[in-house]
Amino acid sequence: LYVHLVKKYVLSGQLPGMTVDRREFLRLHAERLERLFIGQKAPNLALRTPEGHPLSLYQLPARWTILVFWLPDCQLCQRELPQILKVWSKRSPQDLQVVAVCGRSGPGAPCWAKSAEWQLPSEWHLAHDPDRTARFQSLYNVRSYPHILVIDPERRIRFRQAGAAPPRALEGILDAVLP
């Protein structure tokens, strides 16, 4: 809706009194959001593994991917990650991979201790942005956690959810989207 309103009213000049700077800001913001629509190619991410090795979304094998942004102190994430695990465990690792991006950065971030406590599988691609150079919050418009996307083998977004689904609904949603 936001993108539509910006295109229809702001960019067409139908809102009187809007400064050029404000119009340009709204145009850029709408374009960034539009790139995340269902069917659009997912932006690449350059992250780091817990061991500090580089991890790029596009360098992973091209298969169905669940991309989840999470926080170690997020109760909704603690509820949703087991639902993702259920969906993932029903499929072949050759068909579906999970990239779990911890939203905490810097020394002492409790991401990896929490991922072990929550028993996230070692086959998942755990990642973070310790230097904040990937800018994933801006790139994927992550404003709340968990933030979940399903990406197809052509790297197109097929599902996107910001925040949590109703309890136990995520498994059904992902089962419906994934082959």
C-alpha atoms as a PDB file:
ATOM      1  CA  LEU A   1       0.000   0.000   0.000  1.00  0.00           C
ATOM      2  CA  TYR A   2       2.800   2.383   0.929  1.00  0.00           C
ATOM      3  CA  VAL A   3       4.610   1.811  -2.377  1.00  0.00           C
ATOM      4  CA  HIS A   4       1.363   2.316  -4.308  1.00  0.00           C
ATOM      5  CA  LEU A   5       0.596   5.584  -2.491  1.00  0.00           C
ATOM      6  CA  VAL A   6       4.082   6.945  -3.051  1.00  0.00           C
ATOM      7  CA  LYS A   7       3.944   6.120  -6.764  1.00  0.00           C
ATOM      8  CA  LYS A   8       0.419   7.387  -7.314  1.00  0.00           C
ATOM      9  CA  TYR A   9       0.441  10.564  -5.247  1.00  0.00           C
ATOM     10  CA  VAL A  10       3.959  11.594  -4.260  1.00  0.00           C
ATOM     11  CA  LEU A  11       5.833  10.908  -7.487  1.00  0.00           C
ATOM     12  CA  SER A  12       3.041  12.218  -9.680  1.00  0.00           C
ATOM     13  CA  GLY A  13       3.176  15.562  -7.895  1.00  0.00           C
ATOM     14  CA  GLN A  14      -0.397  15.311  -6.566  1.00  0.00           C
ATOM     15  CA  LEU A  15       0.660  16.284  -3.034  1.00  0.00           C
ATOM     16  CA  PRO A  16       1.168  20.045  -2.918  1.00  0.00           C
ATOM     17  CA  GLY A  17       3.868  21.520  -0.737  1.00  0.00           C
ATOM     18  CA  MET A  18       6.166  18.498  -0.713  1.00  0.00           C
ATOM     19  CA  THR A  19       9.831  19.401  -0.924  1.00  0.00           C
ATOM     20  CA  VAL A  20      12.068  17.839  -3.547  1.00  0.00           C
ATOM     21  CA  ASP A  21      14.215  16.285  -0.809  1.00  0.00           C
ATOM     22  CA  ARG A  22      11.205  14.685   0.887  1.00  0.00           C
ATOM     23  CA  ARG A  23       9.867  13.386  -2.436  1.00  0.00           C
ATOM     24  CA  GLU A  24      13.261  11.855  -3.238  1.00  0.00           C
ATOM     25  CA  PHE A  25      13.445  10.241   0.222  1.00  0.00           C
ATOM     26  CA  LEU A  26      10.003   8.675  -0.210  1.00  0.00           C
ATOM     27  CA  ARG A  27      10.857   7.503  -3.740  1.00  0.00           C
ATOM     28  CA  LEU A  28      14.026   5.762  -2.553  1.00  0.00           C
ATOM     29  CA  HIS A  29      12.253   4.162   0.408  1.00  0.00           C
ATOM     30  CA  ALA A  30       9.418   2.882  -1.803  1.00  0.00           C
ATOM     31  CA  GLU A  31      11.910   1.447  -4.309  1.00  0.00           C
ATOM     32  CA  ARG A  32      13.768  -0.353  -1.511  1.00  0.00           C
ATOM     33  CA  LEU A  33      10.518  -1.887  -0.247  1.00  0.00           C
ATOM     34  CA  GLU A  34       9.374  -2.830  -3.734  1.00  0.00           C
ATOM     35  CA  ARG A  35      12.550  -4.886  -4.212  1.00  0.00           C
ATOM     36  CA  LEU A  36      11.295  -7.139  -1.383  1.00  0.00           C
ATOM     37  CA  PHE A  37       7.917  -7.962  -2.935  1.00  0.00           C
ATOM     38  CA  ILE A  38       6.973 -11.580  -3.531  1.00  0.00           C
ATOM     39  CA  GLY A  39       8.484 -12.688  -6.850  1.00  0.00           C
ATOM     40  CA  GLN A  40      11.392 -10.251  -6.722  1.00  0.00           C
ATOM     41  CA  LYS A  41      14.984 -11.438  -6.589  1.00  0.00           C
ATOM     42  CA  ALA A  42      16.234 -11.547  -3.006  1.00  0.00           C
ATOM     43  CA  PRO A  43      19.143  -9.217  -2.280  1.00  0.00           C
ATOM     44  CA  ASN A  44      22.448 -10.952  -1.698  1.00  0.00           C
ATOM     45  CA  LEU A  45      23.900 -10.959   1.795  1.00  0.00           C
ATOM     46  CA  ALA A  46      27.565 -11.055   2.767  1.00  0.00           C
ATOM     47  CA  LEU A  47      27.723 -12.288   6.358  1.00  0.00           C
ATOM     48  CA  ARG A  48      30.038 -14.201   8.700  1.00  0.00           C
ATOM     49  CA  THR A  49      29.718 -17.614  10.297  1.00  0.00           C
ATOM     50  CA  PRO A  50      30.272 -18.001  14.064  1.00  0.00           C
ATOM     51  CA  GLU A  51      33.868 -18.995  13.236  1.00  0.00           C
ATOM     52  CA  GLY A  52      34.357 -15.781  11.231  1.00  0.00           C
ATOM     53  CA  HIS A  53      34.260 -17.342   7.758  1.00  0.00           C
ATOM     54  CA  PRO A  54      32.467 -15.422   4.987  1.00  0.00           C
ATOM     55  CA  LEU A  55      28.970 -16.578   4.065  1.00  0.00           C
ATOM     56  CA  SER A  56      27.172 -15.233   1.009  1.00  0.00           C
ATOM     57  CA  LEU A  57      23.551 -16.053   0.281  1.00  0.00           C
ATOM     58  CA  TYR A  58      24.279 -16.320  -3.446  1.00  0.00           C
ATOM     59  CA  GLN A  59      27.315 -18.580  -2.947  1.00  0.00           C
ATOM     60  CA  LEU A  60      25.219 -21.222  -1.193  1.00  0.00           C
ATOM     61  CA  PRO A  61      23.771 -24.010  -3.357  1.00  0.00           C
ATOM     62  CA  ALA A  62      20.780 -22.780  -5.332  1.00  0.00           C
ATOM     63  CA  ARG A  63      17.899 -24.569  -3.639  1.00  0.00           C
ATOM     64  CA  TRP A  64      14.910 -23.550  -1.566  1.00  0.00           C
ATOM     65  CA  THR A  65      16.085 -21.436   1.350  1.00  0.00           C
ATOM     66  CA  ILE A  66      14.439 -20.293   4.530  1.00  0.00           C
ATOM     67  CA  LEU A  67      16.140 -17.059   5.538  1.00  0.00           C
ATOM     68  CA  VAL A  68      15.362 -16.141   9.128  1.00  0.00           C
ATOM     69  CA  PHE A  69      16.585 -13.123  11.058  1.00  0.00           C
ATOM     70  CA  TRP A  70      16.411 -13.721  14.814  1.00  0.00           C
ATOM     71  CA  LEU A  71      17.543 -12.402  18.186  1.00  0.00           C
ATOM     72  CA  PRO A  72      18.788 -14.500  21.101  1.00  0.00           C
ATOM     73  CA  ASP A  73      16.536 -12.741  23.632  1.00  0.00           C
ATOM     74  CA  CYS A  74      13.403 -12.833  21.446  1.00  0.00           C
ATOM     75  CA  GLN A  75      10.600 -14.997  22.825  1.00  0.00           C
ATOM     76  CA  LEU A  76       8.820 -15.014  19.463  1.00  0.00           C
ATOM     77  CA  CYS A  77      12.009 -16.266  17.809  1.00  0.00           C
ATOM     78  CA  GLN A  78      12.228 -19.011  20.418  1.00  0.00           C
ATOM     79  CA  ARG A  79       8.729 -20.094  19.391  1.00  0.00           C
ATOM     80  CA  GLU A  80       9.202 -19.782  15.611  1.00  0.00           C
ATOM     81  CA  LEU A  81      12.601 -21.432  15.163  1.00  0.00           C
ATOM     82  CA  PRO A  82      11.282 -24.864  16.280  1.00  0.00           C
ATOM     83  CA  GLN A  83       8.503 -24.502  13.683  1.00  0.00           C
ATOM     84  CA  ILE A  84      11.132 -23.861  11.013  1.00  0.00           C
ATOM     85  CA  LEU A  85      13.031 -26.891  12.298  1.00  0.00           C
ATOM     86  CA  LYS A  86       9.905 -29.066  11.855  1.00  0.00           C
ATOM     87  CA  VAL A  87       9.465 -27.901   8.260  1.00  0.00           C
ATOM     88  CA  TRP A  88      13.167 -28.329   7.505  1.00  0.00           C
ATOM     89  CA  SER A  89      13.398 -31.797   9.059  1.00  0.00           C
ATOM     90  CA  LYS A  90      10.589 -33.107   6.811  1.00  0.00           C
ATOM     91  CA  ARG A  91      12.596 -32.336   3.688  1.00  0.00           C
ATOM     92  CA  SER A  92      15.857 -33.396   2.158  1.00  0.00           C
ATOM     93  CA  PRO A  93      18.845 -31.140   2.908  1.00  0.00           C
ATOM     94  CA  GLN A  94      19.455 -31.141  -0.850  1.00  0.00           C
ATOM     95  CA  ASP A  95      16.058 -29.470  -1.331  1.00  0.00           C
ATOM     96  CA  LEU A  96      15.892 -27.033   1.582  1.00  0.00           C
ATOM     97  CA  GLN A  97      18.484 -25.076   3.527  1.00  0.00           C
ATOM     98  CA  VAL A  98      18.124 -22.639   6.391  1.00  0.00           C
ATOM     99  CA  VAL A  99      20.164 -19.480   6.811  1.00  0.00           C
ATOM    100  CA  ALA A 100      19.669 -18.191  10.364  1.00  0.00           C
ATOM    101  CA  VAL A 101      21.014 -14.654  10.781  1.00  0.00           C
ATOM    102  CA  CYS A 102      21.460 -13.440  14.335  1.00  0.00           C
ATOM    103  CA  GLY A 103      20.540  -9.781  14.694  1.00  0.00           C
ATOM    104  CA  ARG A 104      23.057  -9.165  17.493  1.00  0.00           C
ATOM    105  CA  SER A 105      26.568  -8.135  16.614  1.00  0.00           C
ATOM    106  CA  GLY A 106      29.780  -7.377  18.354  1.00  0.00           C
ATOM    107  CA  PRO A 107      31.882  -9.097  20.979  1.00  0.00           C
ATOM    108  CA  GLY A 108      29.980 -11.001  23.625  1.00  0.00           C
ATOM    109  CA  ALA A 109      26.791 -11.330  21.558  1.00  0.00           C
ATOM    110  CA  PRO A 110      24.954 -14.375  22.963  1.00  0.00           C
ATOM    111  CA  CYS A 111      23.896 -15.705  19.556  1.00  0.00           C
ATOM    112  CA  TRP A 112      25.868 -18.912  19.453  1.00  0.00           C
ATOM    113  CA  ALA A 113      25.203 -19.953  23.038  1.00  0.00           C
ATOM    114  CA  LYS A 114      21.497 -19.431  22.416  1.00  0.00           C
ATOM    115  CA  SER A 115      21.585 -21.336  19.120  1.00  0.00           C
ATOM    116  CA  ALA A 116      23.120 -24.298  20.996  1.00  0.00           C
ATOM    117  CA  GLU A 117      20.572 -23.973  23.802  1.00  0.00           C
ATOM    118  CA  TRP A 118      17.735 -23.943  21.245  1.00  0.00           C
ATOM    119  CA  GLN A 119      19.381 -26.919  19.507  1.00  0.00           C
ATOM    120  CA  LEU A 120      19.581 -25.329  16.082  1.00  0.00           C
ATOM    121  CA  PRO A 121      20.965 -27.993  13.724  1.00  0.00           C
ATOM    122  CA  SER A 122      24.606 -27.875  12.715  1.00  0.00           C
ATOM    123  CA  GLU A 123      23.443 -28.269   9.082  1.00  0.00           C
ATOM    124  CA  TRP A 124      21.864 -24.824   9.212  1.00  0.00           C
ATOM    125  CA  HIS A 125      23.938 -21.902   8.009  1.00  0.00           C
ATOM    126  CA  LEU A 126      24.322 -19.742  11.123  1.00  0.00           C
ATOM    127  CA  ALA A 127      25.474 -16.231  10.383  1.00  0.00           C
ATOM    128  CA  HIS A 128      25.767 -12.699  11.718  1.00  0.00           C
ATOM    129  CA  ASP A 129      27.049  -9.289  10.673  1.00  0.00           C
ATOM    130  CA  PRO A 130      29.758  -8.516  13.260  1.00  0.00           C
ATOM    131  CA  ASP A 131      31.006  -5.362  11.538  1.00  0.00           C
ATOM    132  CA  ARG A 132      27.535  -4.233  10.421  1.00  0.00           C
ATOM    133  CA  THR A 133      28.760  -3.984   6.845  1.00  0.00           C
ATOM    134  CA  ALA A 134      26.040  -6.184   5.314  1.00  0.00           C
ATOM    135  CA  ARG A 135      23.348  -3.743   6.504  1.00  0.00           C
ATOM    136  CA  PHE A 136      20.788  -6.569   6.436  1.00  0.00           C
ATOM    137  CA  GLN A 137      18.284  -4.570   8.508  1.00  0.00           C
ATOM    138  CA  SER A 138      18.092  -1.968   5.758  1.00  0.00           C
ATOM    139  CA  LEU A 139      18.535  -4.381   2.853  1.00  0.00           C
ATOM    140  CA  TYR A 140      15.688  -6.644   4.015  1.00  0.00           C
ATOM    141  CA  ASN A 141      13.719  -3.983   5.922  1.00  0.00           C
ATOM    142  CA  VAL A 142      14.076  -5.931   9.179  1.00  0.00           C
ATOM    143  CA  ARG A 143      12.195  -3.908  11.773  1.00  0.00           C
ATOM    144  CA  SER A 144      10.968  -6.756  13.981  1.00  0.00           C
ATOM    145  CA  TYR A 145      12.044 -10.275  14.849  1.00  0.00           C
ATOM    146  CA  PRO A 146      11.738 -12.960  13.745  1.00  0.00           C
ATOM    147  CA  HIS A 147      11.770 -11.930  10.110  1.00  0.00           C
ATOM    148  CA  ILE A 148      11.315 -14.921   7.807  1.00  0.00           C
ATOM    149  CA  LEU A 149      11.613 -15.299   4.037  1.00  0.00           C
ATOM    150  CA  VAL A 150      11.346 -18.281   1.735  1.00  0.00           C
ATOM    151  CA  ILE A 151      13.571 -17.987  -1.317  1.00  0.00           C
ATOM    152  CA  ASP A 152      13.285 -20.303  -4.322  1.00  0.00           C
ATOM    153  CA  PRO A 153      16.220 -21.821  -6.273  1.00  0.00           C
ATOM    154  CA  GLU A 154      16.184 -18.837  -8.677  1.00  0.00           C
ATOM    155  CA  ARG A 155      16.721 -16.580  -5.609  1.00  0.00           C
ATOM    156  CA  ARG A 156      13.199 -15.114  -5.824  1.00  0.00           C
ATOM    157  CA  ILE A 157      11.230 -14.278  -2.703  1.00  0.00           C
ATOM    158  CA  ARG A 158       8.217 -16.592  -2.377  1.00  0.00           C
ATOM    159  CA  PHE A 159       7.117 -15.767   1.175  1.00  0.00           C
ATOM    160  CA  ARG A 160       7.862 -13.048   3.680  1.00  0.00           C
ATOM    161  CA  GLN A 161       6.753 -12.585   7.252  1.00  0.00           C
ATOM    162  CA  ALA A 162       7.822  -9.912   9.702  1.00  0.00           C
ATOM    163  CA  GLY A 163       7.194 -10.861  13.304  1.00  0.00           C
ATOM    164  CA  ALA A 164       5.606 -14.070  14.460  1.00  0.00           C
ATOM    165  CA  ALA A 165       2.740 -16.019  12.973  1.00  0.00           C
ATOM    166  CA  PRO A 166      -0.054 -17.287  15.203  1.00  0.00           C
ATOM    167  CA  PRO A 167       1.203 -20.203  17.313  1.00  0.00           C
ATOM    168  CA  ARG A 168       1.983 -23.264  15.183  1.00  0.00           C
ATOM    169  CA  ALA A 169       0.766 -21.506  12.014  1.00  0.00           C
ATOM    170  CA  LEU A 170       4.218 -20.979  10.510  1.00  0.00           C
ATOM    171  CA  GLU A 171       4.688 -24.689   9.866  1.00  0.00           C
ATOM    172  CA  GLY A 172       1.471 -24.803   7.817  1.00  0.00           C
ATOM    173  CA  ILE A 173       2.346 -21.619   5.933  1.00  0.00           C
ATOM    174  CA  LEU A 174       5.814 -22.885   5.030  1.00  0.00           C
ATOM    175  CA  ASP A 175       4.484 -26.317   4.067  1.00  0.00           C
ATOM    176  CA  ALA A 176       2.074 -24.569   1.668  1.00  0.00           C
ATOM    177  CA  VAL A 177       4.824 -22.466   0.063  1.00  0.00           C
ATOM    178  CA  LEU A 178       7.586 -25.059  -0.180  1.00  0.00           C
ATOM    179  CA  PRO A 179       7.505 -27.919  -2.690  1.00  0.00           C
END
